[in-house]
Structures are given as C-alpha cells and as structure tokens.
C-alpha cells in the first residue's frame, strides 16, 4: 500500500534484506551481550531497541487506511 505496483518487488526485497540483517545482528550480538550483562538484563536492551524502532515506524510511515493508491 505504500508504493505503486511497479515498485512492490524492490520494496519487498529491501524489507527482506532488512529482516535478514536484523536477524543476523541479534544472533551475532546476543551471546556476547548476554555473557557481559548476565541472565535477564539482555532482554531489556533488545526490547528497548524494538520499542524505539516501533515508535520510529509509527511516526515515520504514513497511514494508508482508506486510500486507494500510493499517490493519495
């Protein structure tokens, strides 16, 4: 809904790449941070990052409900 039909494939590719990079970063840094901070504290770091990026997306991405095209 955010892009026109001609850009859907490229947008999906960028989203998939971002997902893989995020997964790699978490898999790479979780053991190191878990060892440094110990048990349950590491989850607060990743939860804080997730909350920050969720707020960023909520603020940055426009609402498309009720709109027929990306140009509206």
PDB file of N, CA and C in Angstrom:
ATOM      1  N   UNK A   1       0.804  -1.190   0.000  1.00  0.00           N
ATOM      2  CA  UNK A   1       0.000   0.000   0.000  1.00  0.00           C
ATOM      3  C   UNK A   1       0.853   1.262   0.000  1.00  0.00           C
ATOM      4  N   UNK A   2       2.103   1.166   0.379  1.00  0.00           N
ATOM      5  CA  UNK A   2       2.931   2.359   0.468  1.00  0.00           C
ATOM      6  C   UNK A   2       3.585   2.735  -0.849  1.00  0.00           C
ATOM      7  N   UNK A   3       3.683   1.797  -1.759  1.00  0.00           N
ATOM      8  CA  UNK A   3       4.344   2.057  -3.036  1.00  0.00           C
ATOM      9  C   UNK A   3       3.427   1.633  -4.180  1.00  0.00           C
ATOM     10  N   UNK A   4       3.750   2.133  -5.352  1.00  0.00           N
ATOM     11  CA  UNK A   4       2.980   1.754  -6.531  1.00  0.00           C
ATOM     12  C   UNK A   4       3.299   0.332  -6.958  1.00  0.00           C
ATOM     13  N   UNK A   5       2.490  -0.216  -7.863  1.00  0.00           N
ATOM     14  CA  UNK A   5       2.676  -1.602  -8.287  1.00  0.00           C
ATOM     15  C   UNK A   5       4.020  -1.862  -8.952  1.00  0.00           C
ATOM     16  N   UNK A   6       4.610  -0.840  -9.560  1.00  0.00           N
ATOM     17  CA  UNK A   6       5.887  -1.047 -10.235  1.00  0.00           C
ATOM     18  C   UNK A   6       7.057  -1.193  -9.259  1.00  0.00           C
ATOM     19  N   UNK A   7       6.875  -0.815  -7.996  1.00  0.00           N
ATOM     20  CA  UNK A   7       7.961  -0.864  -7.025  1.00  0.00           C
ATOM     21  C   UNK A   7       7.752  -1.908  -5.930  1.00  0.00           C
ATOM     22  N   UNK A   8       6.744  -2.727  -6.050  1.00  0.00           N
ATOM     23  CA  UNK A   8       6.443  -3.699  -4.996  1.00  0.00           C
ATOM     24  C   UNK A   8       7.581  -4.702  -4.835  1.00  0.00           C
ATOM     25  N   UNK A   9       8.101  -5.217  -5.921  1.00  0.00           N
ATOM     26  CA  UNK A   9       9.178  -6.212  -5.850  1.00  0.00           C
ATOM     27  C   UNK A   9      10.422  -5.657  -5.185  1.00  0.00           C
ATOM     28  N   UNK A  10      10.820  -4.450  -5.559  1.00  0.00           N
ATOM     29  CA  UNK A  10      12.005  -3.833  -4.965  1.00  0.00           C
ATOM     30  C   UNK A  10      11.785  -3.545  -3.484  1.00  0.00           C
ATOM     31  N   UNK A  11      10.597  -3.101  -3.132  1.00  0.00           N
ATOM     32  CA  UNK A  11      10.293  -2.809  -1.730  1.00  0.00           C
ATOM     33  C   UNK A  11      10.321  -4.082  -0.893  1.00  0.00           C
ATOM     34  N   UNK A  12       9.782  -5.156  -1.419  1.00  0.00           N
ATOM     35  CA  UNK A  12       9.812  -6.429  -0.703  1.00  0.00           C
ATOM     36  C   UNK A  12      11.242  -6.933  -0.544  1.00  0.00           C
ATOM     37  N   UNK A  13      12.078  -6.698  -1.545  1.00  0.00           N
ATOM     38  CA  UNK A  13      13.480  -7.100  -1.451  1.00  0.00           C
ATOM     39  C   UNK A  13      14.205  -6.331  -0.356  1.00  0.00           C
ATOM     40  N   UNK A  14      13.961  -5.031  -0.274  1.00  0.00           N
ATOM     41  CA  UNK A  14      14.575  -4.224   0.779  1.00  0.00           C
ATOM     42  C   UNK A  14      14.092  -4.660   2.162  1.00  0.00           C
ATOM     43  N   UNK A  15      12.812  -4.955   2.284  1.00  0.00           N
ATOM     44  CA  UNK A  15      12.267  -5.393   3.569  1.00  0.00           C
ATOM     45  C   UNK A  15      12.858  -6.738   3.983  1.00  0.00           C
ATOM     46  N   UNK A  16      13.005  -7.654   3.033  1.00  0.00           N
ATOM     47  CA  UNK A  16      13.597  -8.950   3.331  1.00  0.00           C
ATOM     48  C   UNK A  16      15.058  -8.802   3.731  1.00  0.00           C
ATOM     49  N   UNK A  17      15.795  -7.945   3.050  1.00  0.00           N
ATOM     50  CA  UNK A  17      17.198  -7.711   3.402  1.00  0.00           C
ATOM     51  C   UNK A  17      17.314  -7.120   4.802  1.00  0.00           C
ATOM     52  N   UNK A  18      16.445  -6.173   5.142  1.00  0.00           N
ATOM     53  CA  UNK A  18      16.465  -5.588   6.484  1.00  0.00           C
ATOM     54  C   UNK A  18      16.153  -6.636   7.548  1.00  0.00           C
ATOM     55  N   UNK A  19      15.226  -7.527   7.243  1.00  0.00           N
ATOM     56  CA  UNK A  19      14.876  -8.594   8.178  1.00  0.00           C
ATOM     57  C   UNK A  19      16.065  -9.524   8.407  1.00  0.00           C
ATOM     58  N   UNK A  20      16.748  -9.922   7.348  1.00  0.00           N
ATOM     59  CA  UNK A  20      17.900 -10.806   7.474  1.00  0.00           C
ATOM     60  C   UNK A  20      19.047 -10.125   8.221  1.00  0.00           C
ATOM     61  N   UNK A  21      19.278  -8.853   7.955  1.00  0.00           N
ATOM     62  CA  UNK A  21      20.343  -8.124   8.652  1.00  0.00           C
ATOM     63  C   UNK A  21      20.028  -8.018  10.141  1.00  0.00           C
ATOM     64  N   UNK A  22      18.779  -7.734  10.475  1.00  0.00           N
ATOM     65  CA  UNK A  22      18.378  -7.651  11.879  1.00  0.00           C
ATOM     66  C   UNK A  22      18.527  -8.994  12.575  1.00  0.00           C
ATOM     67  N   UNK A  23      18.121 -10.057  11.916  1.00  0.00           N
ATOM     68  CA  UNK A  23      18.251 -11.397  12.489  1.00  0.00           C
ATOM     69  C   UNK A  23      19.713 -11.749  12.707  1.00  0.00           C
ATOM     70  N   UNK A  24      20.561 -11.417  11.739  1.00  0.00           N
ATOM     71  CA  UNK A  24      21.990 -11.679  11.874  1.00  0.00           C
ATOM     72  C   UNK A  24      22.581 -10.894  13.040  1.00  0.00           C
ATOM     73  N   UNK A  25      22.209  -9.621  13.163  1.00  0.00           N
ATOM     74  CA  UNK A  25      22.755  -8.783  14.233  1.00  0.00           C
ATOM     75  C   UNK A  25      22.370  -9.327  15.606  1.00  0.00           C
ATOM     76  N   UNK A  26      21.128  -9.730  15.764  1.00  0.00           N
ATOM     77  CA  UNK A  26      20.696 -10.278  17.053  1.00  0.00           C
ATOM     78  C   UNK A  26      21.400 -11.593  17.344  1.00  0.00           C
ATOM     79  N   UNK A  27      21.499 -12.465  16.349  1.00  0.00           N
ATOM     80  CA  UNK A  27      22.177 -13.747  16.550  1.00  0.00           C
ATOM     81  C   UNK A  27      23.660 -13.558  16.840  1.00  0.00           C
ATOM     82  N   UNK A  28      24.261 -12.534  16.275  1.00  0.00           N
ATOM     83  CA  UNK A  28      25.683 -12.283  16.467  1.00  0.00           C
ATOM     84  C   UNK A  28      25.976 -11.663  17.833  1.00  0.00           C
ATOM     85  N   UNK A  29      25.169 -10.722  18.269  1.00  0.00           N
ATOM     86  CA  UNK A  29      25.474  -9.966  19.477  1.00  0.00           C
ATOM     87  C   UNK A  29      24.794 -10.479  20.734  1.00  0.00           C
ATOM     88  N   UNK A  30      23.757 -11.283  20.621  1.00  0.00           N
ATOM     89  CA  UNK A  30      23.062 -11.759  21.818  1.00  0.00           C
ATOM     90  C   UNK A  30      23.983 -12.546  22.748  1.00  0.00           C
ATOM     91  N   UNK A  31      24.748 -13.525  22.255  1.00  0.00           N
ATOM     92  CA  UNK A  31      25.602 -14.274  23.193  1.00  0.00           C
ATOM     93  C   UNK A  31      26.638 -13.393  23.895  1.00  0.00           C
ATOM     94  N   UNK A  32      27.219 -12.439  23.181  1.00  0.00           N
ATOM     95  CA  UNK A  32      28.229 -11.562  23.762  1.00  0.00           C
ATOM     96  C   UNK A  32      27.613 -10.675  24.846  1.00  0.00           C
ATOM     97  N   UNK A  33      26.494 -10.050  24.525  1.00  0.00           N
ATOM     98  CA  UNK A  33      25.837  -9.159  25.482  1.00  0.00           C
ATOM     99  C   UNK A  33      25.282  -9.957  26.655  1.00  0.00           C
ATOM    100  N   UNK A  34      24.769 -11.135  26.404  1.00  0.00           N
ATOM    101  CA  UNK A  34      24.244 -11.984  27.470  1.00  0.00           C
ATOM    102  C   UNK A  34      25.354 -12.377  28.438  1.00  0.00           C
ATOM    103  N   UNK A  35      26.534 -12.656  27.927  1.00  0.00           N
ATOM    104  CA  UNK A  35      27.652 -13.019  28.789  1.00  0.00           C
ATOM    105  C   UNK A  35      28.127 -11.821  29.607  1.00  0.00           C
ATOM    106  N   UNK A  36      28.152 -10.644  29.013  1.00  0.00           N
ATOM    107  CA  UNK A  36      28.620  -9.444  29.724  1.00  0.00           C
ATOM    108  C   UNK A  36      27.633  -8.982  30.797  1.00  0.00           C
ATOM    109  N   UNK A  37      26.334  -9.003  30.469  1.00  0.00           N
ATOM    110  CA  UNK A  37      25.331  -8.490  31.397  1.00  0.00           C
ATOM    111  C   UNK A  37      24.741  -9.553  32.309  1.00  0.00           C
ATOM    112  N   UNK A  38      24.797 -10.786  31.881  1.00  0.00           N
ATOM    113  CA  UNK A  38      24.181 -11.844  32.669  1.00  0.00           C
ATOM    114  C   UNK A  38      22.732 -12.028  32.299  1.00  0.00           C
ATOM    115  N   UNK A  39      22.139 -13.041  32.830  1.00  0.00           N
ATOM    116  CA  UNK A  39      20.788 -13.513  32.606  1.00  0.00           C
ATOM    117  C   UNK A  39      19.766 -12.651  31.903  1.00  0.00           C
ATOM    118  N   UNK A  40      18.823 -12.104  32.655  1.00  0.00           N
ATOM    119  CA  UNK A  40      17.645 -11.483  32.072  1.00  0.00           C
ATOM    120  C   UNK A  40      17.800 -10.045  31.642  1.00  0.00           C
ATOM    121  N   UNK A  41      18.918  -9.408  31.950  1.00  0.00           N
ATOM    122  CA  UNK A  41      19.066  -7.995  31.628  1.00  0.00           C
ATOM    123  C   UNK A  41      19.198  -7.744  30.128  1.00  0.00           C
ATOM    124  N   UNK A  42      19.710  -8.714  29.411  1.00  0.00           N
ATOM    125  CA  UNK A  42      19.945  -8.525  27.980  1.00  0.00           C
ATOM    126  C   UNK A  42      18.636  -8.347  27.216  1.00  0.00           C
ATOM    127  N   UNK A  43      17.581  -8.918  27.704  1.00  0.00           N
ATOM    128  CA  UNK A  43      16.298  -8.802  27.015  1.00  0.00           C
ATOM    129  C   UNK A  43      15.767  -7.367  27.040  1.00  0.00           C
ATOM    130  N   UNK A  44      16.098  -6.626  28.079  1.00  0.00           N
ATOM    131  CA  UNK A  44      15.650  -5.238  28.158  1.00  0.00           C
ATOM    132  C   UNK A  44      16.304  -4.378  27.074  1.00  0.00           C
ATOM    133  N   UNK A  45      17.539  -4.682  26.723  1.00  0.00           N
ATOM    134  CA  UNK A  45      18.215  -3.938  25.657  1.00  0.00           C
ATOM    135  C   UNK A  45      17.503  -4.161  24.331  1.00  0.00           C
ATOM    136  N   UNK A  46      17.263  -5.411  23.992  1.00  0.00           N
ATOM    137  CA  UNK A  46      16.599  -5.714  22.727  1.00  0.00           C
ATOM    138  C   UNK A  46      15.137  -5.270  22.740  1.00  0.00           C
ATOM    139  N   UNK A  47      14.474  -5.337  23.882  1.00  0.00           N
ATOM    140  CA  UNK A  47      13.098  -4.843  23.981  1.00  0.00           C
ATOM    141  C   UNK A  47      13.060  -3.329  23.813  1.00  0.00           C
ATOM    142  N   UNK A  48      14.035  -2.634  24.383  1.00  0.00           N
ATOM    143  CA  UNK A  48      14.120  -1.187  24.216  1.00  0.00           C
ATOM    144  C   UNK A  48      14.371  -0.799  22.767  1.00  0.00           C
ATOM    145  N   UNK A  49      15.245  -1.547  22.093  1.00  0.00           N
ATOM    146  CA  UNK A  49      15.504  -1.284  20.672  1.00  0.00           C
ATOM    147  C   UNK A  49      14.251  -1.540  19.843  1.00  0.00           C
ATOM    148  N   UNK A  50      13.539  -2.601  20.151  1.00  0.00           N
ATOM    149  CA  UNK A  50      12.313  -2.907  19.413  1.00  0.00           C
ATOM    150  C   UNK A  50      11.264  -1.822  19.641  1.00  0.00           C
ATOM    151  N   UNK A  51      11.141  -1.328  20.858  1.00  0.00           N
ATOM    152  CA  UNK A  51      10.181  -0.262  21.149  1.00  0.00           C
ATOM    153  C   UNK A  51      10.568   1.025  20.428  1.00  0.00           C
ATOM    154  N   UNK A  52      11.873   1.333  20.401  1.00  0.00           N
ATOM    155  CA  UNK A  52      12.344   2.528  19.718  1.00  0.00           C
ATOM    156  C   UNK A  52      12.020   2.458  18.226  1.00  0.00           C
ATOM    157  N   UNK A  53      12.334   1.342  17.593  1.00  0.00           N
ATOM    158  CA  UNK A  53      12.084   1.225  16.157  1.00  0.00           C
ATOM    159  C   UNK A  53      10.596   1.142  15.840  1.00  0.00           C
ATOM    160  N   UNK A  54       9.796   0.577  16.734  1.00  0.00           N
ATOM    161  CA  UNK A  54       8.347   0.566  16.534  1.00  0.00           C
ATOM    162  C   UNK A  54       7.795   1.991  16.580  1.00  0.00           C
ATOM    163  N   UNK A  55       8.293   2.791  17.520  1.00  0.00           N
ATOM    164  CA  UNK A  55       7.856   4.187  17.603  1.00  0.00           C
ATOM    165  C   UNK A  55       8.313   4.965  16.371  1.00  0.00           C
ATOM    166  N   UNK A  56       9.512   4.682  15.899  1.00  0.00           N
ATOM    167  CA  UNK A  56      10.029   5.339  14.703  1.00  0.00           C
ATOM    168  C   UNK A  56       9.167   5.017  13.478  1.00  0.00           C
ATOM    169  N   UNK A  57       8.795   3.766  13.327  1.00  0.00           N
ATOM    170  CA  UNK A  57       7.941   3.365  12.203  1.00  0.00           C
ATOM    171  C   UNK A  57       6.555   3.981  12.344  1.00  0.00           C
ATOM    172  N   UNK A  58       6.010   3.989  13.556  1.00  0.00           N
ATOM    173  CA  UNK A  58       4.682   4.586  13.770  1.00  0.00           C
ATOM    174  C   UNK A  58       4.689   6.076  13.450  1.00  0.00           C
ATOM    175  N   UNK A  59       5.805   6.744  13.715  1.00  0.00           N
ATOM    176  CA  UNK A  59       5.904   8.176  13.454  1.00  0.00           C
ATOM    177  C   UNK A  59       6.230   8.460  11.992  1.00  0.00           C
ATOM    178  N   UNK A  60       7.061   7.644  11.365  1.00  0.00           N
ATOM    179  CA  UNK A  60       7.590   7.932  10.033  1.00  0.00           C
ATOM    180  C   UNK A  60       6.703   7.420   8.903  1.00  0.00           C
ATOM    181  N   UNK A  61       6.115   6.241   9.058  1.00  0.00           N
ATOM    182  CA  UNK A  61       5.337   5.607   7.984  1.00  0.00           C
ATOM    183  C   UNK A  61       3.936   6.211   7.951  1.00  0.00           C
ATOM    184  N   UNK A  62       3.502   6.697   6.796  1.00  0.00           N
ATOM    185  CA  UNK A  62       2.181   7.326   6.726  1.00  0.00           C
ATOM    186  C   UNK A  62       1.048   6.302   6.815  1.00  0.00           C
ATOM    187  N   UNK A  63      -0.085   6.754   7.284  1.00  0.00           N
ATOM    188  CA  UNK A  63      -1.281   5.907   7.363  1.00  0.00           C
ATOM    189  C   UNK A  63      -1.886   5.771   5.974  1.00  0.00           C
ATOM    190  N   UNK A  64      -2.205   4.538   5.583  1.00  0.00           N
ATOM    191  CA  UNK A  64      -2.760   4.300   4.244  1.00  0.00           C
ATOM    192  C   UNK A  64      -4.187   3.742   4.298  1.00  0.00           C
ATOM    193  N   UNK A  65      -4.762   3.626   5.468  1.00  0.00           N
ATOM    194  CA  UNK A  65      -6.107   3.087   5.578  1.00  0.00           C
ATOM    195  C   UNK A  65      -7.103   4.009   4.872  1.00  0.00           C
ATOM    196  N   UNK A  66      -7.900   3.433   3.992  1.00  0.00           N
ATOM    197  CA  UNK A  66      -8.924   4.182   3.291  1.00  0.00           C
ATOM    198  C   UNK A  66      -8.427   4.877   2.040  1.00  0.00           C
ATOM    199  N   UNK A  67      -7.175   4.706   1.693  1.00  0.00           N
ATOM    200  CA  UNK A  67      -6.625   5.333   0.484  1.00  0.00           C
ATOM    201  C   UNK A  67      -6.513   4.286  -0.607  1.00  0.00           C
ATOM    202  N   UNK A  68      -6.854   4.686  -1.830  1.00  0.00           N
ATOM    203  CA  UNK A  68      -6.878   3.732  -2.931  1.00  0.00           C
ATOM    204  C   UNK A  68      -5.517   3.547  -3.590  1.00  0.00           C
ATOM    205  N   UNK A  69      -4.726   4.600  -3.673  1.00  0.00           N
ATOM    206  CA  UNK A  69      -3.428   4.496  -4.346  1.00  0.00           C
ATOM    207  C   UNK A  69      -2.341   5.086  -3.453  1.00  0.00           C
ATOM    208  N   UNK A  70      -1.095   4.843  -3.838  1.00  0.00           N
ATOM    209  CA  UNK A  70       0.022   5.379  -3.077  1.00  0.00           C
ATOM    210  C   UNK A  70       0.157   6.882  -3.244  1.00  0.00           C
ATOM    211  N   UNK A  71      -0.420   7.441  -4.292  1.00  0.00           N
ATOM    212  CA  UNK A  71      -0.312   8.872  -4.542  1.00  0.00           C
ATOM    213  C   UNK A  71      -1.255   9.713  -3.683  1.00  0.00           C
ATOM    214  N   UNK A  72      -2.269   9.099  -3.125  1.00  0.00           N
ATOM    215  CA  UNK A  72      -3.216   9.866  -2.303  1.00  0.00           C
ATOM    216  C   UNK A  72      -2.501  10.284  -1.072  1.00  0.00           C
TER     217      UNK A  72
END
